[in-house]
Amino acid sequence: MTRDEVSGLLGAAPWWVAGRQAIDVFLGQPLGPGPLTVLVPRRELLRLLPDATESPVLRGDLRILIGDQEAGEWFFQRKPTVRRPVGAIGERNAEGLPYLRPEIALLLEAHEPDRREDLERALPAMHLASRAFLAWGLVETWPGHPWLPALLRPA
């Protein structure tokens, strides 16, 4: 699914490439196989798809994760004290494709043990502040998470 097709489905709702594919975009690599995964704010998604109450929502070749926001901040559903200003959760690549910053994409994947490969791919390119946010989010949510040693090693 292309950026234009996603925009056609979601209209003016903000969205960001999420999951493993966000790491692909962050690293300047082609999107991995499978349905395109995006994060859309809950309020916007419910306006478009009122029956979309459970994440992920599947619409053809699009997998939609529901993102929660409050007072201009995104918050992690598993630990609502882990927050970031909405404007700081994503970026755009040179082609204008919106994607989640790696620390957000990885935090959303951290409950899946098979996603360590995504951490290993992203870690060398992540800035110290991104690594610190991810480490903090993991400690807050899952103290002793197996990714913490890699994040806490000097870059």
N, C-alpha and C. Protein backbone atom coordinates (compact mmCIF):
# COMPACT_ATOMS: atom_id res chain seq x y z
N MET A 1 0.85 -1.17 0.00
CA MET A 1 0.00 0.00 0.00
C MET A 1 0.90 1.23 0.00
N THR A 2 0.59 2.20 -0.85
CA THR A 2 1.42 3.40 -0.97
C THR A 2 0.97 4.48 0.02
N ARG A 3 1.82 5.48 0.18
CA ARG A 3 1.48 6.62 1.03
C ARG A 3 0.18 7.27 0.58
N ASP A 4 0.00 7.43 -0.74
CA ASP A 4 -1.21 8.04 -1.26
C ASP A 4 -2.45 7.19 -0.98
N GLU A 5 -2.30 5.87 -1.05
CA GLU A 5 -3.44 4.99 -0.75
C GLU A 5 -3.81 5.07 0.73
N VAL A 6 -2.80 5.14 1.61
CA VAL A 6 -3.08 5.28 3.03
C VAL A 6 -3.77 6.61 3.29
N SER A 7 -3.25 7.68 2.70
CA SER A 7 -3.86 9.00 2.87
C SER A 7 -5.29 9.02 2.33
N GLY A 8 -5.53 8.30 1.22
CA GLY A 8 -6.88 8.23 0.68
C GLY A 8 -7.83 7.54 1.64
N LEU A 9 -7.37 6.52 2.32
CA LEU A 9 -8.21 5.79 3.28
C LEU A 9 -8.41 6.59 4.57
N LEU A 10 -7.34 7.22 5.04
CA LEU A 10 -7.38 7.88 6.34
C LEU A 10 -7.68 9.37 6.26
N GLY A 11 -7.74 9.92 5.05
CA GLY A 11 -8.04 11.34 4.90
C GLY A 11 -6.98 12.20 5.54
N ALA A 12 -7.42 13.18 6.31
CA ALA A 12 -6.49 14.13 6.94
C ALA A 12 -5.98 13.64 8.29
N ALA A 13 -6.39 12.44 8.70
CA ALA A 13 -5.93 11.92 9.99
C ALA A 13 -4.41 11.73 9.97
N PRO A 14 -3.74 12.14 11.04
CA PRO A 14 -2.29 11.90 11.09
C PRO A 14 -2.02 10.40 11.23
N TRP A 15 -0.93 9.96 10.62
CA TRP A 15 -0.53 8.56 10.72
C TRP A 15 0.97 8.46 10.52
N TRP A 16 1.54 7.38 11.03
CA TRP A 16 2.97 7.13 10.93
C TRP A 16 3.19 5.66 10.64
N VAL A 17 4.14 5.34 9.76
CA VAL A 17 4.53 3.95 9.58
C VAL A 17 5.05 3.46 10.93
N ALA A 18 4.65 2.25 11.30
CA ALA A 18 4.97 1.71 12.63
C ALA A 18 5.64 0.35 12.51
N GLY A 19 5.99 -0.21 13.66
CA GLY A 19 6.53 -1.56 13.72
C GLY A 19 7.87 -1.69 13.01
N ARG A 20 8.10 -2.89 12.53
CA ARG A 20 9.35 -3.23 11.84
C ARG A 20 9.58 -2.31 10.64
N GLN A 21 8.50 -1.93 9.99
CA GLN A 21 8.62 -1.07 8.81
C GLN A 21 9.08 0.34 9.17
N ALA A 22 8.75 0.82 10.38
CA ALA A 22 9.26 2.12 10.81
C ALA A 22 10.78 2.07 10.93
N ILE A 23 11.30 0.94 11.38
CA ILE A 23 12.75 0.78 11.47
C ILE A 23 13.36 0.76 10.07
N ASP A 24 12.69 0.10 9.13
CA ASP A 24 13.15 0.12 7.74
C ASP A 24 13.27 1.55 7.23
N VAL A 25 12.23 2.35 7.44
CA VAL A 25 12.23 3.74 6.95
C VAL A 25 13.32 4.53 7.67
N PHE A 26 13.43 4.39 8.98
CA PHE A 26 14.45 5.08 9.77
C PHE A 26 15.85 4.80 9.21
N LEU A 27 16.08 3.56 8.81
CA LEU A 27 17.40 3.16 8.30
C LEU A 27 17.57 3.42 6.80
N GLY A 28 16.54 3.98 6.16
CA GLY A 28 16.63 4.27 4.73
C GLY A 28 16.55 3.02 3.86
N GLN A 29 15.93 1.97 4.38
CA GLN A 29 15.80 0.71 3.65
C GLN A 29 14.39 0.58 3.07
N PRO A 30 14.23 -0.27 2.06
CA PRO A 30 12.88 -0.51 1.53
C PRO A 30 12.00 -1.14 2.61
N LEU A 31 10.71 -0.87 2.53
CA LEU A 31 9.77 -1.44 3.49
C LEU A 31 9.78 -2.95 3.40
N GLY A 32 9.76 -3.59 4.55
CA GLY A 32 9.72 -5.05 4.60
C GLY A 32 8.40 -5.59 4.08
N PRO A 33 8.33 -6.90 3.92
CA PRO A 33 7.13 -7.52 3.36
C PRO A 33 5.94 -7.46 4.31
N GLY A 34 4.80 -7.78 3.75
CA GLY A 34 3.58 -7.86 4.56
C GLY A 34 2.77 -6.59 4.48
N PRO A 35 1.63 -6.61 5.16
CA PRO A 35 0.78 -5.42 5.15
C PRO A 35 1.52 -4.24 5.76
N LEU A 36 1.23 -3.05 5.27
CA LEU A 36 1.81 -1.84 5.84
C LEU A 36 1.20 -1.63 7.22
N THR A 37 2.05 -1.38 8.21
CA THR A 37 1.59 -1.12 9.58
C THR A 37 1.73 0.36 9.86
N VAL A 38 0.64 0.98 10.34
CA VAL A 38 0.66 2.40 10.68
C VAL A 38 0.03 2.61 12.05
N LEU A 39 0.42 3.69 12.69
CA LEU A 39 -0.20 4.11 13.95
C LEU A 39 -1.06 5.32 13.65
N VAL A 40 -2.30 5.31 14.14
CA VAL A 40 -3.24 6.41 13.95
C VAL A 40 -3.81 6.77 15.32
N PRO A 41 -3.92 8.06 15.64
CA PRO A 41 -4.53 8.43 16.92
C PRO A 41 -5.96 7.88 17.04
N ARG A 42 -6.26 7.38 18.22
CA ARG A 42 -7.57 6.75 18.48
C ARG A 42 -8.73 7.65 18.07
N ARG A 43 -8.72 8.89 18.48
CA ARG A 43 -9.83 9.80 18.18
C ARG A 43 -10.05 9.94 16.68
N GLU A 44 -8.97 10.07 15.94
CA GLU A 44 -9.07 10.20 14.48
C GLU A 44 -9.58 8.91 13.85
N LEU A 45 -9.07 7.79 14.34
CA LEU A 45 -9.47 6.51 13.77
C LEU A 45 -10.95 6.23 14.03
N LEU A 46 -11.42 6.53 15.24
CA LEU A 46 -12.83 6.31 15.56
C LEU A 46 -13.75 7.22 14.75
N ARG A 47 -13.26 8.39 14.40
CA ARG A 47 -14.04 9.28 13.53
C ARG A 47 -14.23 8.65 12.15
N LEU A 48 -13.19 7.99 11.67
CA LEU A 48 -13.23 7.37 10.34
C LEU A 48 -13.85 5.98 10.36
N LEU A 49 -13.51 5.20 11.37
CA LEU A 49 -13.96 3.81 11.48
C LEU A 49 -14.52 3.59 12.89
N PRO A 50 -15.78 3.93 13.11
CA PRO A 50 -16.35 3.85 14.47
C PRO A 50 -16.27 2.48 15.12
N ASP A 51 -16.14 1.42 14.32
CA ASP A 51 -16.06 0.07 14.89
C ASP A 51 -14.63 -0.32 15.28
N ALA A 52 -13.67 0.56 15.06
CA ALA A 52 -12.25 0.26 15.32
C ALA A 52 -11.94 0.50 16.79
N THR A 53 -12.17 -0.51 17.61
CA THR A 53 -11.93 -0.36 19.04
C THR A 53 -10.77 -1.20 19.56
N GLU A 54 -10.38 -2.23 18.82
CA GLU A 54 -9.28 -3.10 19.22
C GLU A 54 -8.12 -2.96 18.24
N SER A 55 -6.91 -2.90 18.77
CA SER A 55 -5.72 -2.78 17.94
C SER A 55 -5.09 -4.16 17.77
N PRO A 56 -4.67 -4.54 16.58
CA PRO A 56 -4.68 -3.78 15.34
C PRO A 56 -6.01 -3.92 14.58
N VAL A 57 -6.25 -2.93 13.74
CA VAL A 57 -7.40 -2.93 12.84
C VAL A 57 -6.86 -3.30 11.47
N LEU A 58 -7.46 -4.28 10.82
CA LEU A 58 -6.99 -4.70 9.50
C LEU A 58 -7.96 -4.20 8.44
N ARG A 59 -7.40 -3.52 7.44
CA ARG A 59 -8.17 -3.03 6.31
C ARG A 59 -7.38 -3.37 5.05
N GLY A 60 -7.67 -4.52 4.46
CA GLY A 60 -6.94 -4.96 3.28
C GLY A 60 -5.47 -5.13 3.59
N ASP A 61 -4.61 -4.41 2.85
CA ASP A 61 -3.17 -4.48 3.05
C ASP A 61 -2.66 -3.46 4.07
N LEU A 62 -3.55 -3.00 4.94
CA LEU A 62 -3.18 -2.02 5.95
C LEU A 62 -3.49 -2.57 7.34
N ARG A 63 -2.49 -2.51 8.20
CA ARG A 63 -2.62 -2.91 9.61
C ARG A 63 -2.50 -1.64 10.43
N ILE A 64 -3.59 -1.27 11.12
CA ILE A 64 -3.64 0.00 11.85
C ILE A 64 -3.53 -0.25 13.35
N LEU A 65 -2.51 0.35 13.95
CA LEU A 65 -2.37 0.33 15.40
C LEU A 65 -3.04 1.58 15.95
N ILE A 66 -3.70 1.44 17.07
CA ILE A 66 -4.39 2.57 17.67
C ILE A 66 -3.45 3.26 18.64
N GLY A 67 -3.25 4.56 18.43
CA GLY A 67 -2.40 5.35 19.30
C GLY A 67 -3.23 6.22 20.23
N ASP A 68 -2.83 6.28 21.47
CA ASP A 68 -3.57 7.10 22.44
C ASP A 68 -2.88 8.43 22.65
N GLN A 69 -3.70 9.47 22.80
CA GLN A 69 -3.20 10.81 23.03
C GLN A 69 -4.06 11.49 24.08
N GLU A 70 -3.40 12.44 24.74
CA GLU A 70 -4.10 13.23 25.75
C GLU A 70 -3.34 14.54 25.89
N ALA A 71 -4.05 15.65 25.77
CA ALA A 71 -3.45 16.98 25.95
C ALA A 71 -2.18 17.16 25.12
N GLY A 72 -2.22 16.73 23.86
CA GLY A 72 -1.09 16.93 22.97
C GLY A 72 0.06 15.97 23.17
N GLU A 73 -0.15 14.94 23.99
CA GLU A 73 0.90 13.95 24.22
C GLU A 73 0.43 12.56 23.82
N TRP A 74 1.33 11.82 23.17
CA TRP A 74 1.10 10.40 22.93
C TRP A 74 1.47 9.71 24.23
N PHE A 75 0.73 8.65 24.58
CA PHE A 75 1.13 7.85 25.72
C PHE A 75 1.05 6.37 25.38
N PHE A 76 1.91 5.61 26.03
CA PHE A 76 2.03 4.18 25.82
C PHE A 76 0.87 3.49 26.54
N GLN A 77 0.07 2.74 25.82
CA GLN A 77 -1.11 2.10 26.40
C GLN A 77 -0.76 1.18 27.56
N ARG A 78 0.36 0.50 27.49
CA ARG A 78 0.73 -0.44 28.55
C ARG A 78 1.20 0.26 29.83
N LYS A 79 1.65 1.50 29.69
CA LYS A 79 2.14 2.27 30.84
C LYS A 79 1.91 3.75 30.52
N PRO A 80 0.73 4.28 30.84
CA PRO A 80 0.37 5.64 30.43
C PRO A 80 1.27 6.75 30.95
N THR A 81 2.13 6.46 31.93
CA THR A 81 3.07 7.50 32.38
C THR A 81 4.22 7.68 31.39
N VAL A 82 4.39 6.74 30.47
CA VAL A 82 5.42 6.86 29.43
C VAL A 82 4.79 7.67 28.30
N ARG A 83 5.27 8.92 28.15
CA ARG A 83 4.65 9.88 27.24
C ARG A 83 5.69 10.64 26.43
N ARG A 84 5.21 11.19 25.34
CA ARG A 84 6.01 12.06 24.48
C ARG A 84 5.07 13.06 23.83
N PRO A 85 5.49 14.30 23.60
CA PRO A 85 4.65 15.21 22.81
C PRO A 85 4.37 14.57 21.45
N VAL A 86 3.16 14.72 20.95
CA VAL A 86 2.79 14.09 19.68
C VAL A 86 3.77 14.50 18.58
N GLY A 87 4.20 15.73 18.57
CA GLY A 87 5.14 16.19 17.55
C GLY A 87 6.51 15.54 17.62
N ALA A 88 6.79 14.82 18.70
CA ALA A 88 8.11 14.20 18.88
C ALA A 88 8.08 12.68 18.69
N ILE A 89 6.96 12.12 18.28
CA ILE A 89 6.93 10.66 18.13
C ILE A 89 7.30 10.19 16.73
N GLY A 90 7.30 11.11 15.78
CA GLY A 90 7.58 10.69 14.41
C GLY A 90 8.42 11.68 13.65
N GLU A 91 8.83 11.24 12.48
CA GLU A 91 9.58 12.07 11.54
C GLU A 91 9.08 11.75 10.15
N ARG A 92 9.65 12.43 9.16
CA ARG A 92 9.37 12.13 7.75
C ARG A 92 10.70 11.87 7.06
N ASN A 93 10.69 10.89 6.16
CA ASN A 93 11.92 10.64 5.41
C ASN A 93 12.01 11.64 4.25
N ALA A 94 13.04 11.50 3.42
CA ALA A 94 13.26 12.44 2.32
C ALA A 94 12.09 12.48 1.33
N GLU A 95 11.35 11.39 1.23
CA GLU A 95 10.19 11.33 0.33
C GLU A 95 8.91 11.81 1.00
N GLY A 96 9.00 12.22 2.25
CA GLY A 96 7.84 12.72 2.98
C GLY A 96 7.01 11.65 3.66
N LEU A 97 7.51 10.42 3.74
CA LEU A 97 6.78 9.33 4.37
C LEU A 97 6.87 9.47 5.89
N PRO A 98 5.73 9.60 6.59
CA PRO A 98 5.79 9.72 8.05
C PRO A 98 6.04 8.38 8.71
N TYR A 99 6.93 8.35 9.69
CA TYR A 99 7.24 7.11 10.39
C TYR A 99 7.50 7.40 11.86
N LEU A 100 7.24 6.40 12.69
CA LEU A 100 7.52 6.54 14.12
C LEU A 100 9.02 6.54 14.36
N ARG A 101 9.45 7.40 15.25
CA ARG A 101 10.86 7.39 15.64
C ARG A 101 11.18 6.01 16.20
N PRO A 102 12.42 5.56 16.09
CA PRO A 102 12.75 4.18 16.48
C PRO A 102 12.44 3.86 17.94
N GLU A 103 12.62 4.82 18.84
CA GLU A 103 12.35 4.52 20.24
C GLU A 103 10.87 4.24 20.49
N ILE A 104 9.98 4.88 19.73
CA ILE A 104 8.54 4.65 19.87
C ILE A 104 8.18 3.32 19.20
N ALA A 105 8.66 3.12 17.97
CA ALA A 105 8.36 1.88 17.25
C ALA A 105 8.84 0.66 18.05
N LEU A 106 10.04 0.75 18.61
CA LEU A 106 10.58 -0.38 19.37
C LEU A 106 9.84 -0.59 20.68
N LEU A 107 9.46 0.49 21.35
CA LEU A 107 8.69 0.35 22.58
C LEU A 107 7.38 -0.38 22.31
N LEU A 108 6.73 -0.05 21.20
CA LEU A 108 5.48 -0.71 20.85
C LEU A 108 5.68 -2.19 20.51
N GLU A 109 6.90 -2.57 20.11
CA GLU A 109 7.20 -3.96 19.76
C GLU A 109 7.80 -4.76 20.92
N ALA A 110 8.19 -4.10 21.98
CA ALA A 110 9.02 -4.72 23.02
C ALA A 110 8.36 -5.91 23.72
N HIS A 111 7.06 -6.05 23.64
CA HIS A 111 6.39 -7.19 24.27
C HIS A 111 6.52 -8.46 23.44
N GLU A 112 7.05 -8.33 22.22
CA GLU A 112 7.22 -9.48 21.33
C GLU A 112 8.69 -9.89 21.30
N PRO A 113 9.04 -11.02 21.89
CA PRO A 113 10.46 -11.40 22.00
C PRO A 113 11.17 -11.54 20.65
N ASP A 114 10.46 -11.87 19.59
CA ASP A 114 11.11 -12.06 18.29
C ASP A 114 11.52 -10.74 17.64
N ARG A 115 11.24 -9.64 18.27
CA ARG A 115 11.56 -8.34 17.67
C ARG A 115 12.94 -7.82 18.07
N ARG A 116 13.73 -8.60 18.75
CA ARG A 116 15.08 -8.18 19.13
C ARG A 116 15.89 -7.80 17.89
N GLU A 117 15.64 -8.48 16.78
CA GLU A 117 16.35 -8.17 15.53
C GLU A 117 16.15 -6.71 15.14
N ASP A 118 14.95 -6.18 15.35
CA ASP A 118 14.70 -4.77 15.03
C ASP A 118 15.53 -3.85 15.91
N LEU A 119 15.65 -4.20 17.19
CA LEU A 119 16.50 -3.42 18.09
C LEU A 119 17.94 -3.45 17.61
N GLU A 120 18.43 -4.63 17.27
CA GLU A 120 19.82 -4.78 16.82
C GLU A 120 20.08 -3.98 15.53
N ARG A 121 19.10 -3.95 14.64
CA ARG A 121 19.26 -3.18 13.40
C ARG A 121 19.28 -1.68 13.66
N ALA A 122 18.40 -1.22 14.56
CA ALA A 122 18.23 0.22 14.78
C ALA A 122 19.28 0.82 15.71
N LEU A 123 19.71 0.06 16.69
CA LEU A 123 20.55 0.59 17.76
C LEU A 123 21.78 1.36 17.29
N PRO A 124 22.56 0.89 16.32
CA PRO A 124 23.74 1.65 15.91
C PRO A 124 23.43 3.04 15.34
N ALA A 125 22.23 3.24 14.82
CA ALA A 125 21.87 4.53 14.22
C ALA A 125 21.08 5.43 15.17
N MET A 126 20.72 4.92 16.34
CA MET A 126 19.91 5.70 17.28
C MET A 126 20.77 6.68 18.07
N HIS A 127 20.26 7.89 18.25
CA HIS A 127 20.92 8.89 19.08
C HIS A 127 20.79 8.50 20.55
N LEU A 128 21.65 9.05 21.36
CA LEU A 128 21.66 8.76 22.79
C LEU A 128 20.31 9.07 23.43
N ALA A 129 19.68 10.19 23.07
CA ALA A 129 18.39 10.56 23.66
C ALA A 129 17.32 9.53 23.30
N SER A 130 17.36 9.00 22.10
CA SER A 130 16.40 7.97 21.69
C SER A 130 16.61 6.69 22.47
N ARG A 131 17.87 6.31 22.63
CA ARG A 131 18.19 5.10 23.40
C ARG A 131 17.74 5.27 24.86
N ALA A 132 17.98 6.48 25.40
CA ALA A 132 17.61 6.74 26.80
C ALA A 132 16.10 6.68 26.99
N PHE A 133 15.35 7.26 26.06
CA PHE A 133 13.88 7.21 26.18
C PHE A 133 13.38 5.77 26.12
N LEU A 134 13.90 5.00 25.18
CA LEU A 134 13.48 3.60 25.07
C LEU A 134 13.84 2.83 26.35
N ALA A 135 15.05 3.03 26.86
CA ALA A 135 15.45 2.34 28.09
C ALA A 135 14.53 2.73 29.24
N TRP A 136 14.23 4.02 29.37
CA TRP A 136 13.33 4.48 30.43
C TRP A 136 11.94 3.85 30.27
N GLY A 137 11.41 3.85 29.05
CA GLY A 137 10.10 3.26 28.81
C GLY A 137 10.06 1.77 29.16
N LEU A 138 11.14 1.08 28.85
CA LEU A 138 11.21 -0.35 29.18
C LEU A 138 11.28 -0.56 30.69
N VAL A 139 12.11 0.22 31.38
CA VAL A 139 12.24 0.09 32.84
C VAL A 139 10.90 0.38 33.51
N GLU A 140 10.21 1.40 33.04
CA GLU A 140 8.90 1.76 33.61
C GLU A 140 7.87 0.65 33.39
N THR A 141 7.93 0.02 32.23
CA THR A 141 6.90 -0.95 31.84
C THR A 141 7.28 -2.38 32.22
N TRP A 142 8.50 -2.75 31.94
CA TRP A 142 8.97 -4.13 32.18
C TRP A 142 10.35 -4.08 32.83
N PRO A 143 10.44 -3.82 34.12
CA PRO A 143 11.78 -3.82 34.75
C PRO A 143 12.48 -5.16 34.46
N GLY A 144 13.73 -5.10 34.10
CA GLY A 144 14.47 -6.31 33.78
C GLY A 144 14.26 -6.79 32.35
N HIS A 145 13.70 -5.95 31.49
CA HIS A 145 13.47 -6.35 30.09
C HIS A 145 14.80 -6.79 29.47
N PRO A 146 14.79 -7.85 28.64
CA PRO A 146 16.04 -8.37 28.08
C PRO A 146 16.76 -7.41 27.12
N TRP A 147 16.11 -6.37 26.64
CA TRP A 147 16.79 -5.41 25.76
C TRP A 147 17.62 -4.39 26.54
N LEU A 148 17.39 -4.25 27.82
CA LEU A 148 18.05 -3.18 28.59
C LEU A 148 19.57 -3.24 28.54
N PRO A 149 20.22 -4.39 28.69
CA PRO A 149 21.69 -4.38 28.63
C PRO A 149 22.22 -3.79 27.33
N ALA A 150 21.60 -4.11 26.21
CA ALA A 150 22.06 -3.57 24.93
C ALA A 150 21.87 -2.05 24.88
N LEU A 151 20.78 -1.56 25.42
CA LEU A 151 20.52 -0.12 25.40
C LEU A 151 21.43 0.66 26.34
N LEU A 152 21.84 0.02 27.41
CA LEU A 152 22.65 0.71 28.42
C LEU A 152 24.15 0.63 28.15
N ARG A 153 24.55 -0.18 27.16
CA ARG A 153 25.97 -0.21 26.76
C ARG A 153 26.33 1.12 26.11
N PRO A 154 27.54 1.61 26.32
CA PRO A 154 27.95 2.85 25.64
C PRO A 154 27.82 2.71 24.13
N ALA A 155 27.37 3.78 23.51
CA ALA A 155 27.16 3.77 22.05
C ALA A 155 28.48 3.79 21.32
